[in-house]
Protein backbone atom coordinates (compact mmCIF):
# COMPACT_ATOMS: atom_id res chain seq x y z
CA UNK A 1 -3.36 -49.58 -44.40
CA UNK A 2 -3.87 -47.31 -41.38
CA UNK A 3 -7.47 -46.33 -40.66
CA UNK A 4 -8.95 -43.10 -39.38
CA UNK A 5 -9.13 -43.38 -35.58
CA UNK A 6 -12.79 -42.41 -35.28
CA UNK A 7 -13.85 -44.70 -38.10
CA UNK A 8 -11.87 -47.57 -36.60
CA UNK A 9 -13.37 -47.17 -33.11
CA UNK A 10 -17.02 -46.89 -34.14
CA UNK A 11 -19.02 -48.99 -31.69
CA UNK A 12 -16.01 -49.75 -29.50
CA UNK A 13 -16.96 -47.49 -26.58
CA UNK A 14 -19.65 -49.93 -25.48
CA UNK A 15 -16.91 -52.47 -24.74
CA UNK A 16 -14.83 -50.14 -22.57
CA UNK A 17 -14.88 -50.02 -18.78
CA UNK A 18 -14.76 -46.72 -16.84
CA UNK A 19 -10.96 -46.53 -16.80
CA UNK A 20 -10.79 -47.24 -20.51
CA UNK A 21 -13.45 -44.63 -21.28
CA UNK A 22 -11.33 -42.02 -19.49
CA UNK A 23 -8.31 -43.21 -21.45
CA UNK A 24 -10.26 -42.92 -24.72
CA UNK A 25 -11.28 -39.36 -23.79
CA UNK A 26 -7.65 -38.52 -23.04
CA UNK A 27 -6.48 -39.92 -26.38
CA UNK A 28 -9.06 -37.89 -28.31
CA UNK A 29 -8.14 -34.65 -26.55
CA UNK A 30 -4.37 -35.17 -26.69
CA UNK A 31 -4.01 -36.96 -30.00
CA UNK A 32 -1.25 -34.62 -31.13
CA UNK A 33 1.01 -35.71 -28.25
CA UNK A 34 -0.10 -39.34 -27.79
CA UNK A 35 0.81 -40.13 -31.41
CA UNK A 36 4.49 -39.56 -30.56
CA UNK A 37 4.60 -41.78 -27.45
CA UNK A 38 5.94 -45.31 -27.13
CA UNK A 39 3.69 -47.76 -25.30
CA UNK A 40 6.06 -47.62 -22.30
CA UNK A 41 5.96 -43.81 -22.17
CA UNK A 42 2.20 -43.65 -22.65
CA UNK A 43 1.63 -46.22 -19.90
CA UNK A 44 3.97 -44.36 -17.52
CA UNK A 45 2.27 -41.01 -18.14
CA UNK A 46 -1.16 -42.49 -17.41
CA UNK A 47 0.09 -44.58 -14.43
CA UNK A 48 -0.97 -47.80 -16.12
CA UNK A 49 0.78 -50.98 -17.20
CA UNK A 50 1.80 -51.60 -20.79
CA UNK A 51 -0.48 -54.65 -20.72
CA UNK A 52 -3.45 -52.43 -19.87
CA UNK A 53 -2.61 -50.08 -22.75
CA UNK A 54 -2.21 -52.98 -25.18
CA UNK A 55 -5.57 -54.49 -24.18
CA UNK A 56 -7.15 -51.04 -24.49
CA UNK A 57 -5.97 -50.71 -28.10
CA UNK A 58 -7.27 -54.19 -28.91
CA UNK A 59 -10.68 -53.42 -27.40
CA UNK A 60 -10.80 -50.38 -29.67
CA UNK A 61 -10.38 -52.72 -32.63
CA UNK A 62 -6.67 -52.35 -33.40
CA UNK A 63 -4.28 -55.27 -33.85
CA UNK A 64 -1.83 -53.70 -31.42
CA UNK A 65 -0.18 -50.50 -30.28
CA UNK A 66 1.56 -49.80 -33.61
CA UNK A 67 -1.75 -50.06 -35.46
CA UNK A 68 -3.27 -47.69 -32.88
CA UNK A 69 -0.49 -45.11 -33.31
CA UNK A 70 -0.62 -45.29 -37.11
CA UNK A 71 -4.35 -44.56 -36.90
CA UNK A 72 -3.67 -41.49 -34.74
CA UNK A 73 -1.08 -40.25 -37.24
CA UNK A 74 -3.54 -40.56 -40.12
CA UNK A 75 -6.34 -38.87 -38.18
CA UNK A 76 -4.19 -36.03 -36.83
CA UNK A 77 -2.96 -35.27 -40.35
CA UNK A 78 -6.48 -35.23 -41.76
CA UNK A 79 -7.78 -32.98 -38.99
CA UNK A 80 -5.39 -30.22 -40.03
CA UNK A 81 -6.12 -30.43 -43.74
CA UNK A 82 -8.92 -28.14 -44.93
CA UNK A 83 -10.25 -29.47 -48.23
CA UNK A 84 -13.09 -31.47 -49.68
CA UNK A 85 -12.90 -34.99 -48.20
CA UNK A 86 -12.81 -37.79 -50.74
CA UNK A 87 -15.73 -39.38 -48.94
CA UNK A 88 -17.90 -36.54 -50.26
CA UNK A 89 -17.54 -38.05 -53.70
CA UNK A 90 -18.97 -41.31 -52.44
CA UNK A 91 -22.60 -42.32 -52.16
CA UNK A 92 -21.72 -43.50 -48.66
CA UNK A 93 -21.12 -39.97 -47.41
CA UNK A 94 -24.57 -39.80 -45.82
CA UNK A 95 -23.55 -42.65 -43.53
CA UNK A 96 -20.24 -40.96 -42.65
CA UNK A 97 -22.02 -37.67 -42.01
CA UNK A 98 -24.47 -39.28 -39.61
CA UNK A 99 -21.69 -41.22 -37.87
CA UNK A 100 -19.83 -37.98 -37.15
CA UNK A 101 -22.92 -36.35 -35.71
CA UNK A 102 -24.01 -39.30 -33.61
CA UNK A 103 -20.51 -39.90 -32.27
CA UNK A 104 -20.42 -36.40 -30.76
CA UNK A 105 -23.53 -37.19 -28.72
CA UNK A 106 -22.54 -40.77 -27.91
CA UNK A 107 -19.26 -39.77 -26.25
CA UNK A 108 -20.76 -37.02 -24.06
CA UNK A 109 -19.79 -38.09 -20.52
CA UNK A 110 -22.74 -38.28 -18.13
CA UNK A 111 -20.69 -36.53 -15.45
CA UNK A 112 -20.08 -33.51 -17.67
CA UNK A 113 -23.74 -33.35 -18.65
CA UNK A 114 -24.64 -33.38 -14.95
CA UNK A 115 -22.20 -30.52 -14.28
CA UNK A 116 -23.82 -28.36 -16.94
CA UNK A 117 -27.34 -29.20 -15.75
CA UNK A 118 -26.34 -28.22 -12.21
CA UNK A 119 -25.15 -24.84 -13.49
CA UNK A 120 -28.32 -24.30 -15.54
CA UNK A 121 -30.45 -25.18 -12.51
CA UNK A 122 -29.04 -22.10 -10.79
CA UNK A 123 -30.66 -20.03 -13.59
CA UNK A 124 -27.51 -18.13 -14.60
CA UNK A 125 -27.24 -15.40 -17.19
CA UNK A 126 -25.96 -17.02 -20.39
CA UNK A 127 -23.39 -15.40 -22.68
CA UNK A 128 -22.41 -16.92 -26.01
CA UNK A 129 -19.25 -16.49 -28.06
CA UNK A 130 -18.39 -18.25 -31.31
CA UNK A 131 -15.98 -18.26 -34.23
CA UNK A 132 -16.25 -15.31 -36.61
CA UNK A 133 -17.92 -17.41 -39.31
CA UNK A 134 -20.49 -19.03 -37.01
CA UNK A 135 -22.91 -16.21 -36.18
CA UNK A 136 -25.92 -18.25 -37.31
CA UNK A 137 -24.94 -20.92 -34.80
CA UNK A 138 -24.61 -18.30 -32.08
CA UNK A 139 -28.06 -16.89 -32.83
CA UNK A 140 -29.64 -20.32 -32.63
CA UNK A 141 -27.85 -21.02 -29.36
CA UNK A 142 -29.24 -17.72 -28.02
CA UNK A 143 -32.72 -18.80 -29.07
CA UNK A 144 -32.36 -22.14 -27.30
CA UNK A 145 -31.42 -20.67 -23.96
CA UNK A 146 -33.95 -17.85 -24.20
CA UNK A 147 -36.53 -20.57 -24.73
CA UNK A 148 -35.24 -22.23 -21.59
CA UNK A 149 -36.05 -19.04 -19.71
CA UNK A 150 -32.48 -17.87 -19.16
CA UNK A 151 -31.36 -14.30 -19.74
CA UNK A 152 -29.17 -14.82 -22.78
CA UNK A 153 -26.93 -12.54 -24.83
CA UNK A 154 -25.03 -13.23 -28.03
CA UNK A 155 -22.82 -10.30 -29.15
CA UNK A 156 -22.50 -10.23 -32.93
CA UNK A 157 -20.28 -7.17 -33.50
CA UNK A 158 -17.08 -5.88 -31.93
CA UNK A 159 -18.56 -3.17 -29.70
CA UNK A 160 -21.05 -5.67 -28.27
CA UNK A 161 -18.19 -8.04 -27.44
CA UNK A 162 -16.38 -5.21 -25.63
CA UNK A 163 -19.53 -4.59 -23.56
CA UNK A 164 -19.33 -8.15 -22.25
CA UNK A 165 -16.36 -7.19 -20.09
CA UNK A 166 -18.69 -5.25 -17.80
CA UNK A 167 -21.62 -7.65 -18.02
CA UNK A 168 -20.27 -11.11 -17.21
CA UNK A 169 -20.24 -12.08 -13.53
CA UNK A 170 -18.80 -15.01 -11.59
CA UNK A 171 -22.04 -17.00 -11.45
CA UNK A 172 -22.84 -16.67 -15.16
CA UNK A 173 -22.57 -19.33 -17.88
CA UNK A 174 -20.21 -18.55 -20.75
CA UNK A 175 -20.67 -20.76 -23.83
CA UNK A 176 -17.91 -20.82 -26.45
CA UNK A 177 -18.55 -22.51 -29.81
CA UNK A 178 -15.38 -22.97 -31.83
CA UNK A 179 -14.62 -25.86 -34.15
CA UNK A 180 -10.86 -25.27 -34.20
CA UNK A 181 -10.61 -23.89 -30.66
CA UNK A 182 -7.76 -21.75 -31.94
CA UNK A 183 -9.25 -18.54 -33.40
CA UNK A 184 -6.95 -15.78 -31.97
CA UNK A 185 -9.60 -13.08 -31.53
CA UNK A 186 -11.94 -15.46 -29.73
CA UNK A 187 -9.16 -16.71 -27.45
CA UNK A 188 -8.19 -13.13 -26.59
CA UNK A 189 -11.80 -12.28 -25.70
CA UNK A 190 -12.15 -15.32 -23.44
CA UNK A 191 -8.82 -14.57 -21.74
CA UNK A 192 -9.93 -10.99 -21.03
CA UNK A 193 -13.26 -12.20 -19.65
CA UNK A 194 -11.54 -14.68 -17.36
CA UNK A 195 -8.89 -12.23 -16.17
CA UNK A 196 -10.85 -11.00 -13.14
CA UNK A 197 -14.16 -12.90 -13.44
CA UNK A 198 -14.85 -16.62 -13.18
CA UNK A 199 -18.02 -17.61 -15.05
CA UNK A 200 -18.57 -21.29 -15.75
CA UNK A 201 -17.02 -21.88 -19.19
CA UNK A 202 -18.70 -24.49 -21.40
CA UNK A 203 -17.17 -25.07 -24.82
CA UNK A 204 -17.74 -27.26 -27.86
CA UNK A 205 -14.72 -27.77 -30.10
CA UNK A 206 -13.26 -30.35 -32.44
CA UNK A 207 -11.86 -33.55 -31.00
CA UNK A 208 -8.25 -32.65 -30.41
CA UNK A 209 -6.20 -30.71 -27.91
CA UNK A 210 -6.83 -26.97 -28.39
CA UNK A 211 -6.63 -23.70 -26.47
CA UNK A 212 -10.36 -23.13 -25.89
CA UNK A 213 -10.80 -26.69 -24.63
CA UNK A 214 -7.99 -26.26 -22.12
CA UNK A 215 -9.54 -23.04 -20.77
CA UNK A 216 -12.94 -24.67 -20.18
CA UNK A 217 -14.66 -26.05 -17.10
CA UNK A 218 -16.49 -28.49 -19.37
CA UNK A 219 -15.70 -29.27 -22.99
CA UNK A 220 -17.72 -31.43 -25.35
CA UNK A 221 -16.01 -32.41 -28.56
CA UNK A 222 -17.43 -32.95 -32.01
CA UNK A 223 -16.41 -34.72 -35.20
CA UNK A 224 -16.71 -33.38 -38.72
CA UNK A 225 -15.04 -33.58 -42.11
CA UNK A 226 -13.35 -30.22 -42.65
CA UNK A 227 -14.67 -28.73 -45.87
CA UNK A 228 -13.58 -25.50 -47.53
CA UNK A 229 -14.89 -24.37 -50.92
CA UNK A 230 -14.01 -21.11 -52.68
CA UNK A 231 -12.44 -19.79 -49.49
CA UNK A 232 -15.58 -20.43 -47.45
CA UNK A 233 -15.61 -22.80 -44.49
CA UNK A 234 -18.48 -25.26 -44.96
CA UNK A 235 -17.56 -27.66 -42.15
CA UNK A 236 -20.77 -29.02 -40.63
CA UNK A 237 -21.94 -27.49 -37.35
CA UNK A 238 -24.75 -29.97 -36.85
CA UNK A 239 -22.92 -31.89 -34.12
CA UNK A 240 -22.59 -28.67 -32.10
CA UNK A 241 -26.31 -28.06 -32.47
CA UNK A 242 -27.13 -31.57 -31.30
CA UNK A 243 -24.96 -31.22 -28.20
CA UNK A 244 -26.54 -27.86 -27.34
CA UNK A 245 -30.07 -29.11 -27.92
CA UNK A 246 -29.46 -32.20 -25.81
CA UNK A 247 -28.28 -30.04 -22.90
CA UNK A 248 -31.31 -27.78 -23.16
CA UNK A 249 -33.77 -30.68 -23.44
CA UNK A 250 -32.11 -32.48 -20.51
CA UNK A 251 -32.44 -29.28 -18.51
CA UNK A 252 -36.15 -29.11 -19.30
CA UNK A 253 -36.60 -32.66 -18.01
CA UNK A 254 -34.72 -31.73 -14.82
CA UNK A 255 -37.11 -28.85 -14.18
């Protein structure tokens, strides 16, 4: 039976070399397209041999390329299904919950962390945007960066978002927090901001290919079971908080 990709690869990253880590990152961010590729096509697109791809899948814990692809198909299907995961009904959910959170931090590339720390060292103004149902997360993010000593602004209502168009400058830091990376209003706002300005765009989204991720200078991805109850999105945002806090605490150490 095919396994969820992220469950199957728990602990595997430690066995990967630098090339394989980049390949893993590519698979996570382009799962929707990789799942449809033959091993020959995938190898050709990444300028690697089929032998390298096969060994990569085995190091991840799969029996071969077919097992790897089946896992992607299962995971990609689950990631687009908003419901109550069956694992919630299990006593083991606490373990799964913690795995999701820790995985988001464990796969943060050191190079991307360094890029963000370099930007923060320039003491930029910080602007925060988030999904419409994540205002509490935006407020906490604002608190974090105010505590870091950066001029920080989180617009919570429409007229405040409009005011951003005249506030954001090229040397500023724009943080976008969006689990799906596909909320139309948020995408439109970011596109308008980037039309004639070029702030550094840092985003945190779910671990698949999405619009916000592709617009970003640096993207960190998170893992979570998508949960919706009574029309309310209850998907955990803890992984986003951990990524943000790590960046702020790393910045404090750098100062």
